[in-house]
Amino acid sequence: MPHDDLRAAARGASWGNVTARSATALQVQLRSTPLAALSRGVEACAGALAQPVVAGVVSLVVYLARAAAGTGLARSSESYFNFLADAFLHGQIALRIVPPGTLDLVYYGDRIYIYWPPFPALLIAPLVALVGVGLSDRLYTAIFAALTIGLLAALLALLDRRGIAPLSAARRGALVATGGFGSMLLILAPAGNVWATTQIVGWGCVLCAALAALGVGGGPGYLLTGLALACALATRNALVLNGIWLAYYLLGRDWRLPRAQLLRRAALGLAPIVATVALLAWYNVARFGDPLQLGIPWHNMHPSFRADYERYGLFNLHYLPTNLYYQFIAYALFTPDRWQGSGLFWMSPLLLGAPWALWSGRRNPLVWALVVTCALLYVPIGVLMGTGYFQFGPRYLIDLLVPLVALAAIGIRRWPPLVVGLATAIGIGTYVAGSILWWVTLGV
């Protein structure tokens, strides 16, 4: 009987060894299939995009190639920041030279202004001093956009290191790919007009603010965050609201410091913003005699907006249902109203990680600070006259893209790799199709 037991045990051990060898051989076979090789290749490419330099260079090549394929890299008709920079260089705030385009220019008295805040003009002023108003806005907007994708990769790496959104390089790369090629940035980056430039510069300023808050310690972190938010404020006013979640992070990190020291640091962060508010108020008074006046009542608006503006003004709850529909609900890729925009999450489905983070990170106070930031940023967008037309995708939502991406990074952490890959591919495919439609329809 003992011998029978030994023989049975030997047979079991032998069968176990065979089973283990078979499973190992099956795994080797699976890893050697073409599908597995493709999967490893995609993962490697995504991981490469997680590196800021690679992300920036690849984006620059794509954006410049797309711009060149349209109307080339010549200056657009609405390169208004070139003309404002020229005015500043000649010591005046009204345009000195009349741009070739006139849409949305402000005609006040016998002078011409633009209603956009002036930081992008200050940013390119050294280039305009060298080249003149013929400077290609398509070229510098594509370069700025590529820089922002590099900054996005750096931010995601920092969120990973800080433990806020721990992700593999491949998943960070998927978010970078979505930001660069599966979002509104793919349409705006090669466009080069005043509307595209101001949004891309603004989103870049917010990225810089987030990198400063999360990456620089002590008082300098507060100061640099405030400076970047001040630049954002001087590009698109509402972008300063991105400071809500950044302030929560900074104050939460340093809450145990002596109150006097914490207040000094907070003052360092607020000082550039307060100074910028004062400068913008002076700028408006110098142009229109009112610190809150941007010149909207006198701007050369598109005729399709005139009736609504005269009846409801620039901001009104009347616009909210239409904006919500075209920014979150509609899927207009195949319909005639596609240029009004389409739902953010259907166009860039990897960003569905943001609402998913509400559940997966529901006990994390920073998640709720990010949500509050997104909600408050959307308020002026939701009640604004116009959806962002003429556009492909909801371009105004770029204003809340930084907190949205941070939320998405938290939300996709445990998503199956196949879901991450499909969501990324759908977003890129959608915007590539939109870019082709833009090219075929408009020739740009």
Protein backbone atom coordinates (compact mmCIF):
# COMPACT_ATOMS: atom_id res chain seq x y z
CA MET A 1 0.00 0.00 0.00
CA PRO A 2 2.74 2.51 0.77
CA HIS A 3 4.34 1.64 -2.59
CA ASP A 4 1.02 2.37 -4.36
CA ASP A 5 0.87 5.75 -2.63
CA LEU A 6 4.41 6.58 -3.71
CA ARG A 7 3.64 5.59 -7.31
CA ALA A 8 0.46 7.74 -7.27
CA ALA A 9 2.39 10.66 -5.85
CA ALA A 10 5.07 10.25 -8.51
CA ARG A 11 2.41 10.16 -11.24
CA GLY A 12 0.82 13.35 -9.74
CA ALA A 13 4.15 15.12 -9.62
CA SER A 14 4.91 14.08 -13.18
CA TRP A 15 1.47 15.28 -14.35
CA GLY A 16 1.96 18.57 -12.48
CA ASN A 17 5.32 19.09 -14.18
CA VAL A 18 3.80 18.36 -17.58
CA THR A 19 0.93 20.76 -16.88
CA ALA A 20 3.32 23.52 -15.78
CA ARG A 21 5.50 22.95 -18.85
CA SER A 22 2.43 23.04 -21.09
CA ALA A 23 1.18 26.30 -19.55
CA THR A 24 4.63 27.86 -19.97
CA ALA A 25 4.78 26.72 -23.58
CA LEU A 26 1.28 28.15 -24.21
CA GLN A 27 2.32 31.50 -22.74
CA VAL A 28 5.40 31.55 -24.98
CA GLN A 29 3.22 30.76 -28.00
CA LEU A 30 0.76 33.54 -27.10
CA ARG A 31 3.59 36.01 -26.67
CA SER A 32 4.92 35.09 -30.11
CA THR A 33 1.65 35.66 -32.01
CA PRO A 34 1.41 38.66 -34.35
CA LEU A 35 -1.35 40.16 -32.20
CA ALA A 36 0.86 40.01 -29.11
CA ALA A 37 3.76 41.53 -31.05
CA LEU A 38 1.49 44.33 -32.21
CA SER A 39 0.31 44.89 -28.65
CA ARG A 40 3.90 45.13 -27.39
CA GLY A 41 4.73 47.56 -30.20
CA VAL A 42 1.78 49.81 -29.38
CA GLU A 43 2.68 49.73 -25.69
CA ALA A 44 6.28 50.68 -26.52
CA CYS A 45 5.13 53.60 -28.69
CA ALA A 46 2.76 54.81 -25.98
CA GLY A 47 5.53 54.54 -23.42
CA ALA A 48 7.80 56.64 -25.63
CA LEU A 49 5.16 59.39 -25.80
CA ALA A 50 5.26 59.55 -22.00
CA GLN A 51 8.70 61.18 -22.36
CA PRO A 52 8.28 64.98 -22.65
CA VAL A 53 10.93 65.50 -25.34
CA VAL A 54 9.58 62.70 -27.52
CA ALA A 55 6.00 63.93 -27.05
CA GLY A 56 6.96 67.48 -28.01
CA VAL A 57 9.01 66.50 -31.07
CA VAL A 58 6.41 64.05 -32.43
CA SER A 59 3.66 66.63 -31.92
CA LEU A 60 5.67 69.33 -33.66
CA VAL A 61 6.26 67.12 -36.70
CA VAL A 62 2.56 66.23 -36.91
CA TYR A 63 1.33 69.81 -36.44
CA LEU A 64 3.75 71.33 -38.93
CA ALA A 65 3.00 68.62 -41.49
CA ARG A 66 -0.72 69.21 -41.10
CA ALA A 67 -0.31 72.99 -41.41
CA ALA A 68 1.86 72.60 -44.50
CA ALA A 69 -0.68 70.24 -46.07
CA GLY A 70 -3.39 72.90 -45.80
CA THR A 71 -2.57 76.45 -46.79
CA GLY A 72 1.08 76.14 -45.81
CA LEU A 73 2.87 78.02 -43.08
CA ALA A 74 2.02 81.52 -44.30
CA ARG A 75 0.43 83.97 -41.90
CA SER A 76 -3.33 83.61 -41.50
CA SER A 77 -5.73 86.48 -42.17
CA GLU A 78 -6.61 86.64 -38.47
CA SER A 79 -3.09 86.83 -37.01
CA TYR A 80 -4.26 89.70 -34.82
CA PHE A 81 -1.68 89.18 -32.09
CA ASN A 82 1.05 90.04 -34.61
CA PHE A 83 -0.57 93.43 -35.11
CA LEU A 84 -1.12 94.02 -31.39
CA ALA A 85 2.53 93.16 -30.71
CA ASP A 86 3.52 95.64 -33.42
CA ALA A 87 1.36 98.30 -31.73
CA PHE A 88 3.02 97.63 -28.35
CA LEU A 89 6.46 97.85 -29.94
CA HIS A 90 5.50 101.30 -31.26
CA GLY A 91 4.22 102.49 -27.89
CA GLN A 92 0.47 102.29 -28.51
CA ILE A 93 -2.43 100.00 -27.63
CA ALA A 94 -4.58 100.48 -30.73
CA LEU A 95 -3.59 98.58 -33.85
CA ARG A 96 -1.18 100.58 -36.00
CA ILE A 97 -1.64 98.43 -39.11
CA VAL A 98 -5.01 97.07 -40.26
CA PRO A 99 -4.98 93.24 -40.46
CA PRO A 100 -6.16 91.53 -43.67
CA GLY A 101 -9.05 89.90 -41.74
CA THR A 102 -11.68 91.93 -39.90
CA LEU A 103 -13.87 89.35 -38.12
CA ASP A 104 -14.16 90.12 -34.38
CA LEU A 105 -12.00 93.25 -34.53
CA VAL A 106 -13.19 96.07 -32.26
CA TYR A 107 -13.93 99.38 -33.98
CA TYR A 108 -14.15 102.09 -31.33
CA GLY A 109 -14.05 105.71 -32.37
CA ASP A 110 -11.46 105.98 -35.10
CA ARG A 111 -9.28 103.19 -33.70
CA ILE A 112 -9.09 99.42 -34.00
CA TYR A 113 -8.54 97.10 -31.04
CA ILE A 114 -8.88 93.41 -30.28
CA TYR A 115 -10.94 92.18 -27.34
CA TRP A 116 -8.65 89.29 -26.41
CA PRO A 117 -6.33 89.87 -23.44
CA PRO A 118 -2.80 90.79 -24.53
CA PHE A 119 -0.40 88.18 -23.14
CA PRO A 120 0.05 86.23 -26.42
CA ALA A 121 1.03 89.50 -28.12
CA LEU A 122 3.61 90.18 -25.42
CA LEU A 123 4.91 86.62 -25.83
CA ILE A 124 5.58 87.00 -29.55
CA ALA A 125 6.66 90.66 -29.43
CA PRO A 126 10.41 89.83 -29.71
CA LEU A 127 9.71 87.77 -32.85
CA VAL A 128 7.56 90.51 -34.35
CA ALA A 129 10.37 92.98 -33.63
CA LEU A 130 12.69 90.79 -35.73
CA VAL A 131 10.34 89.68 -38.51
CA GLY A 132 7.46 92.17 -38.53
CA VAL A 133 3.72 91.52 -38.74
CA GLY A 134 4.34 88.96 -41.49
CA LEU A 135 5.46 86.49 -38.83
CA SER A 136 3.70 83.16 -39.42
CA ASP A 137 1.12 82.61 -36.72
CA ARG A 138 0.62 79.08 -38.04
CA LEU A 139 4.28 78.37 -37.34
CA TYR A 140 4.45 79.78 -33.82
CA THR A 141 1.04 78.39 -32.82
CA ALA A 142 2.13 74.89 -33.91
CA ILE A 143 5.37 75.30 -31.93
CA PHE A 144 3.50 76.50 -28.84
CA ALA A 145 1.08 73.58 -29.17
CA ALA A 146 3.91 71.04 -29.44
CA LEU A 147 5.53 72.55 -26.33
CA THR A 148 2.27 72.10 -24.44
CA ILE A 149 2.19 68.39 -25.30
CA GLY A 150 5.69 68.05 -23.88
CA LEU A 151 4.47 69.89 -20.77
CA LEU A 152 1.49 67.54 -20.57
CA ALA A 153 3.81 64.52 -20.55
CA ALA A 154 5.89 66.18 -17.82
CA LEU A 155 2.77 66.88 -15.75
CA LEU A 156 1.56 63.29 -15.98
CA ALA A 157 5.01 62.07 -14.91
CA LEU A 158 4.87 64.45 -11.94
CA LEU A 159 1.36 63.30 -10.99
CA ASP A 160 2.75 59.76 -11.04
CA ARG A 161 5.78 60.62 -8.87
CA ARG A 162 3.65 62.51 -6.35
CA GLY A 163 1.34 59.50 -6.01
CA ILE A 164 -1.66 61.54 -7.15
CA ALA A 165 -2.22 59.48 -10.30
CA PRO A 166 0.21 56.54 -10.39
CA LEU A 167 0.27 55.23 -13.97
CA SER A 168 2.53 53.13 -16.15
CA ALA A 169 4.46 54.90 -18.89
CA ALA A 170 2.16 53.33 -21.48
CA ARG A 171 -0.97 54.73 -19.83
CA ARG A 172 0.59 58.16 -19.46
CA GLY A 173 1.52 57.95 -23.13
CA ALA A 174 -2.07 57.12 -24.02
CA LEU A 175 -3.23 60.31 -22.28
CA VAL A 176 -0.52 62.31 -24.05
CA ALA A 177 -1.62 60.85 -27.39
CA THR A 178 -5.22 61.75 -26.58
CA GLY A 179 -4.24 65.29 -25.69
CA GLY A 180 -2.06 65.78 -28.74
CA PHE A 181 -3.90 63.90 -31.46
CA GLY A 182 -7.25 62.84 -30.02
CA SER A 183 -8.54 66.21 -28.86
CA MET A 184 -9.35 69.68 -30.14
CA LEU A 185 -5.63 70.49 -30.13
CA LEU A 186 -5.12 68.54 -33.36
CA ILE A 187 -7.51 70.96 -35.09
CA LEU A 188 -6.31 74.16 -33.43
CA ALA A 189 -2.53 73.64 -33.49
CA PRO A 190 -2.06 74.01 -37.27
CA ALA A 191 -4.71 76.74 -37.65
CA GLY A 192 -2.71 79.70 -36.44
CA ASN A 193 -5.53 82.24 -36.13
CA VAL A 194 -6.20 84.42 -33.10
CA TRP A 195 -8.82 82.04 -31.70
CA ALA A 196 -6.48 79.02 -31.84
CA THR A 197 -3.45 80.92 -30.58
CA THR A 198 -5.16 82.32 -27.51
CA GLN A 199 -6.53 78.93 -26.47
CA ILE A 200 -3.25 77.10 -26.94
CA VAL A 201 -1.19 79.75 -25.13
CA GLY A 202 -3.75 79.79 -22.31
CA TRP A 203 -3.69 76.03 -21.85
CA GLY A 204 0.11 76.13 -21.89
CA CYS A 205 0.09 78.70 -19.08
CA VAL A 206 -2.17 76.48 -16.98
CA LEU A 207 0.15 73.50 -17.57
CA CYS A 208 3.08 75.62 -16.38
CA ALA A 209 1.11 76.60 -13.28
CA ALA A 210 0.37 72.94 -12.47
CA LEU A 211 4.00 71.94 -12.99
CA ALA A 212 5.15 74.75 -10.69
CA ALA A 213 2.65 73.87 -7.96
CA LEU A 214 3.43 70.16 -8.00
CA GLY A 215 7.12 70.33 -8.83
CA VAL A 216 8.63 73.35 -7.04
CA GLY A 217 8.80 73.48 -3.27
CA GLY A 218 8.64 76.33 -0.81
CA GLY A 219 7.87 79.95 -1.57
CA PRO A 220 9.23 79.80 -5.16
CA GLY A 221 6.56 77.21 -5.98
CA TYR A 222 3.80 79.60 -4.92
CA LEU A 223 5.39 82.50 -6.82
CA LEU A 224 5.88 80.55 -10.05
CA THR A 225 2.36 79.14 -9.83
CA GLY A 226 0.99 82.65 -9.39
CA LEU A 227 3.05 83.99 -12.30
CA ALA A 228 1.82 81.25 -14.62
CA LEU A 229 -1.79 81.79 -13.55
CA ALA A 230 -1.35 85.54 -14.09
CA CYS A 231 -0.22 84.82 -17.65
CA ALA A 232 -3.25 82.56 -18.09
CA LEU A 233 -5.49 85.35 -16.77
CA ALA A 234 -3.92 87.74 -19.29
CA THR A 235 -4.69 85.26 -22.08
CA ARG A 236 -8.20 84.04 -21.25
CA ASN A 237 -9.56 85.59 -18.07
CA ALA A 238 -11.49 82.59 -16.73
CA LEU A 239 -8.38 80.37 -16.83
CA VAL A 240 -7.32 81.82 -13.48
CA LEU A 241 -9.98 79.56 -11.93
CA ASN A 242 -7.58 76.67 -12.55
CA GLY A 243 -5.89 78.03 -9.46
CA ILE A 244 -8.59 76.49 -7.25
CA TRP A 245 -7.25 72.95 -7.29
CA LEU A 246 -3.65 74.16 -7.33
CA ALA A 247 -4.25 76.32 -4.26
CA TYR A 248 -5.93 73.36 -2.53
CA TYR A 249 -2.91 71.19 -3.28
CA LEU A 250 -0.35 73.77 -2.14
CA LEU A 251 -2.16 74.75 1.04
CA GLY A 252 -2.92 71.12 1.90
CA ARG A 253 0.74 70.21 1.44
CA ASP A 254 1.96 73.06 3.67
CA TRP A 255 -0.91 73.26 6.14
CA ARG A 256 1.27 72.34 9.14
CA LEU A 257 3.63 75.25 8.57
CA PRO A 258 3.41 78.22 10.97
CA ARG A 259 0.50 80.40 9.89
CA ALA A 260 2.69 83.45 9.27
CA GLN A 261 4.93 81.48 6.91
CA LEU A 262 1.93 79.97 5.11
CA LEU A 263 0.37 83.41 4.67
CA ARG A 264 3.62 84.76 3.23
CA ARG A 265 3.70 81.96 0.70
CA ALA A 266 0.05 82.51 -0.22
CA ALA A 267 0.78 86.21 -0.69
CA LEU A 268 3.65 85.33 -3.03
CA GLY A 269 1.23 83.32 -5.15
CA LEU A 270 -1.50 85.95 -5.15
CA ALA A 271 0.72 88.98 -5.84
CA PRO A 272 1.25 88.35 -9.59
CA ILE A 273 -2.46 87.69 -10.08
CA VAL A 274 -3.52 90.85 -8.26
CA ALA A 275 -0.95 92.88 -10.21
CA THR A 276 -2.22 91.44 -13.50
CA VAL A 277 -5.83 92.25 -12.61
CA ALA A 278 -4.75 95.86 -11.99
CA LEU A 279 -2.82 96.03 -15.28
CA LEU A 280 -5.73 94.60 -17.26
CA ALA A 281 -8.08 97.10 -15.63
CA TRP A 282 -5.74 99.93 -16.64
CA TYR A 283 -5.52 98.49 -20.18
CA ASN A 284 -9.33 98.51 -20.48
CA VAL A 285 -9.64 102.02 -19.07
CA ALA A 286 -7.02 103.28 -21.51
CA ARG A 287 -8.98 101.79 -24.42
CA PHE A 288 -12.63 102.16 -23.44
CA GLY A 289 -12.78 104.20 -20.23
CA ASP A 290 -14.08 101.26 -18.16
CA PRO A 291 -11.94 98.73 -16.22
CA LEU A 292 -14.35 95.88 -17.06
CA GLN A 293 -14.93 96.74 -20.72
CA LEU A 294 -13.29 94.47 -23.33
CA GLY A 295 -14.86 96.13 -26.36
CA ILE A 296 -17.41 93.41 -27.07
CA PRO A 297 -20.27 95.88 -27.87
CA TRP A 298 -18.26 97.29 -30.77
CA HIS A 299 -16.67 94.16 -32.18
CA ASN A 300 -17.29 93.01 -35.74
CA MET A 301 -19.15 89.84 -34.81
CA HIS A 302 -20.26 87.17 -37.25
CA PRO A 303 -23.76 88.02 -38.55
CA SER A 304 -25.16 84.73 -37.25
CA PHE A 305 -24.62 85.95 -33.66
CA ARG A 306 -26.05 89.45 -34.01
CA ALA A 307 -29.71 88.69 -33.22
CA ASP A 308 -28.89 86.65 -30.12
CA TYR A 309 -26.44 89.25 -28.88
CA GLU A 310 -28.92 92.08 -29.23
CA ARG A 311 -31.61 90.08 -27.44
CA TYR A 312 -29.67 88.19 -24.76
CA GLY A 313 -26.22 89.77 -24.54
CA LEU A 314 -22.88 87.95 -24.32
CA PHE A 315 -23.70 85.80 -21.27
CA ASN A 316 -27.17 84.42 -20.63
CA LEU A 317 -28.76 81.19 -19.39
CA HIS A 318 -30.60 81.12 -22.73
CA TYR A 319 -27.40 79.73 -24.29
CA LEU A 320 -26.88 76.95 -21.74
CA PRO A 321 -29.03 74.16 -23.30
CA THR A 322 -27.41 74.61 -26.72
CA ASN A 323 -23.90 74.72 -25.27
CA LEU A 324 -24.47 71.65 -23.11
CA TYR A 325 -25.81 69.77 -26.11
CA TYR A 326 -22.95 70.55 -28.47
CA GLN A 327 -20.22 70.28 -25.85
CA PHE A 328 -21.28 67.09 -24.06
CA ILE A 329 -24.14 65.28 -25.81
CA ALA A 330 -24.08 65.64 -29.60
CA TYR A 331 -22.12 63.33 -31.87
CA ALA A 332 -22.10 65.41 -35.01
CA LEU A 333 -19.27 63.86 -37.02
CA PHE A 334 -21.65 62.70 -39.74
CA THR A 335 -24.24 65.50 -39.58
CA PRO A 336 -24.33 68.98 -41.18
CA ASP A 337 -24.05 70.70 -37.78
CA ARG A 338 -20.63 69.11 -37.10
CA TRP A 339 -18.95 72.54 -37.03
CA GLN A 340 -20.94 73.48 -33.91
CA GLY A 341 -18.96 70.92 -31.94
CA SER A 342 -19.60 67.48 -30.48
CA GLY A 343 -19.70 65.81 -27.08
CA LEU A 344 -16.32 65.87 -25.35
CA PHE A 345 -16.41 62.30 -24.09
CA TRP A 346 -17.58 60.76 -27.37
CA MET A 347 -14.87 62.61 -29.29
CA SER A 348 -12.10 61.84 -26.75
CA PRO A 349 -13.36 58.74 -24.89
CA LEU A 350 -10.23 58.25 -22.80
CA LEU A 351 -11.32 61.39 -20.94
CA LEU A 352 -14.24 59.33 -19.62
CA GLY A 353 -11.68 58.47 -16.98
CA ALA A 354 -12.51 61.89 -15.47
CA PRO A 355 -16.11 61.09 -14.48
CA TRP A 356 -14.97 57.57 -13.54
CA ALA A 357 -12.57 59.17 -11.05
CA LEU A 358 -15.60 60.53 -9.18
CA TRP A 359 -16.26 56.96 -8.09
CA SER A 360 -12.79 55.46 -7.94
CA GLY A 361 -11.39 58.49 -6.11
CA ARG A 362 -14.52 59.53 -4.24
CA ARG A 363 -12.69 59.54 -0.89
CA ASN A 364 -9.86 61.71 -2.20
CA PRO A 365 -10.44 65.42 -1.43
CA LEU A 366 -8.15 66.46 -4.31
CA VAL A 367 -10.54 64.73 -6.73
CA TRP A 368 -13.34 66.96 -5.50
CA ALA A 369 -11.13 70.05 -5.76
CA LEU A 370 -10.51 69.10 -9.39
CA VAL A 371 -14.24 68.58 -9.97
CA VAL A 372 -15.13 71.95 -8.43
CA THR A 373 -12.48 73.59 -10.62
CA CYS A 374 -13.96 72.02 -13.77
CA ALA A 375 -17.48 73.02 -12.77
CA LEU A 376 -16.57 76.65 -12.10
CA LEU A 377 -14.50 76.87 -15.29
CA TYR A 378 -17.51 75.67 -17.25
CA VAL A 379 -19.89 78.33 -15.89
CA PRO A 380 -18.76 81.15 -18.24
CA ILE A 381 -18.47 78.68 -21.13
CA GLY A 382 -21.95 77.28 -20.57
CA VAL A 383 -23.70 80.66 -20.59
CA LEU A 384 -21.57 82.19 -23.38
CA MET A 385 -23.08 83.22 -26.70
CA GLY A 386 -21.97 80.61 -29.23
CA THR A 387 -20.65 77.07 -28.95
CA GLY A 388 -17.27 77.94 -30.45
CA TYR A 389 -18.49 77.70 -34.03
CA PHE A 390 -16.66 77.30 -36.50
CA GLN A 391 -14.93 74.30 -34.90
CA PHE A 392 -14.50 70.54 -34.83
CA GLY A 393 -14.92 69.31 -31.29
CA PRO A 394 -15.79 71.45 -28.25
CA ARG A 395 -12.80 73.82 -28.38
CA TYR A 396 -13.89 76.00 -25.46
CA LEU A 397 -13.47 73.00 -23.16
CA ILE A 398 -9.70 73.26 -23.58
CA ASP A 399 -10.01 75.77 -20.72
CA LEU A 400 -10.69 72.87 -18.33
CA LEU A 401 -8.47 70.29 -20.01
CA VAL A 402 -5.71 70.32 -17.38
CA PRO A 403 -7.95 69.33 -14.43
CA LEU A 404 -9.86 66.97 -16.75
CA VAL A 405 -6.65 65.15 -17.71
CA ALA A 406 -5.61 64.97 -14.05
CA LEU A 407 -8.97 63.40 -13.21
CA ALA A 408 -8.71 61.02 -16.18
CA ALA A 409 -5.26 59.93 -15.02
CA ILE A 410 -6.77 59.05 -11.65
CA GLY A 411 -9.76 57.33 -13.25
CA ILE A 412 -8.06 55.07 -15.81
CA ARG A 413 -5.57 53.56 -13.39
CA ARG A 414 -7.34 50.19 -13.22
CA TRP A 415 -8.98 50.16 -16.63
CA PRO A 416 -8.20 47.06 -18.71
CA PRO A 417 -5.42 47.72 -21.24
CA LEU A 418 -7.76 46.89 -24.13
CA VAL A 419 -10.22 49.59 -23.00
CA VAL A 420 -7.42 52.16 -22.70
CA GLY A 421 -6.14 51.26 -26.15
CA LEU A 422 -9.56 51.35 -27.81
CA ALA A 423 -10.51 54.65 -26.18
CA THR A 424 -7.23 56.21 -27.32
CA ALA A 425 -7.60 54.87 -30.87
CA ILE A 426 -11.20 56.12 -31.17
CA GLY A 427 -10.22 59.61 -30.05
CA ILE A 428 -7.28 59.81 -32.45
CA GLY A 429 -9.31 58.35 -35.31
CA THR A 430 -12.16 60.80 -34.70
CA TYR A 431 -9.94 63.88 -34.76
CA VAL A 432 -7.88 62.68 -37.70
CA ALA A 433 -11.16 62.27 -39.60
CA GLY A 434 -12.20 65.75 -38.44
CA SER A 435 -8.90 67.22 -39.57
CA ILE A 436 -9.40 65.67 -43.02
CA LEU A 437 -12.96 67.02 -43.17
CA TRP A 438 -11.65 70.45 -42.17
CA TRP A 439 -9.06 70.24 -44.94
CA VAL A 440 -11.55 69.06 -47.58
CA THR A 441 -14.27 71.55 -46.58
CA LEU A 442 -12.20 74.67 -45.92
CA GLY A 443 -8.95 73.92 -47.70
CA VAL A 444 -6.95 74.69 -44.54
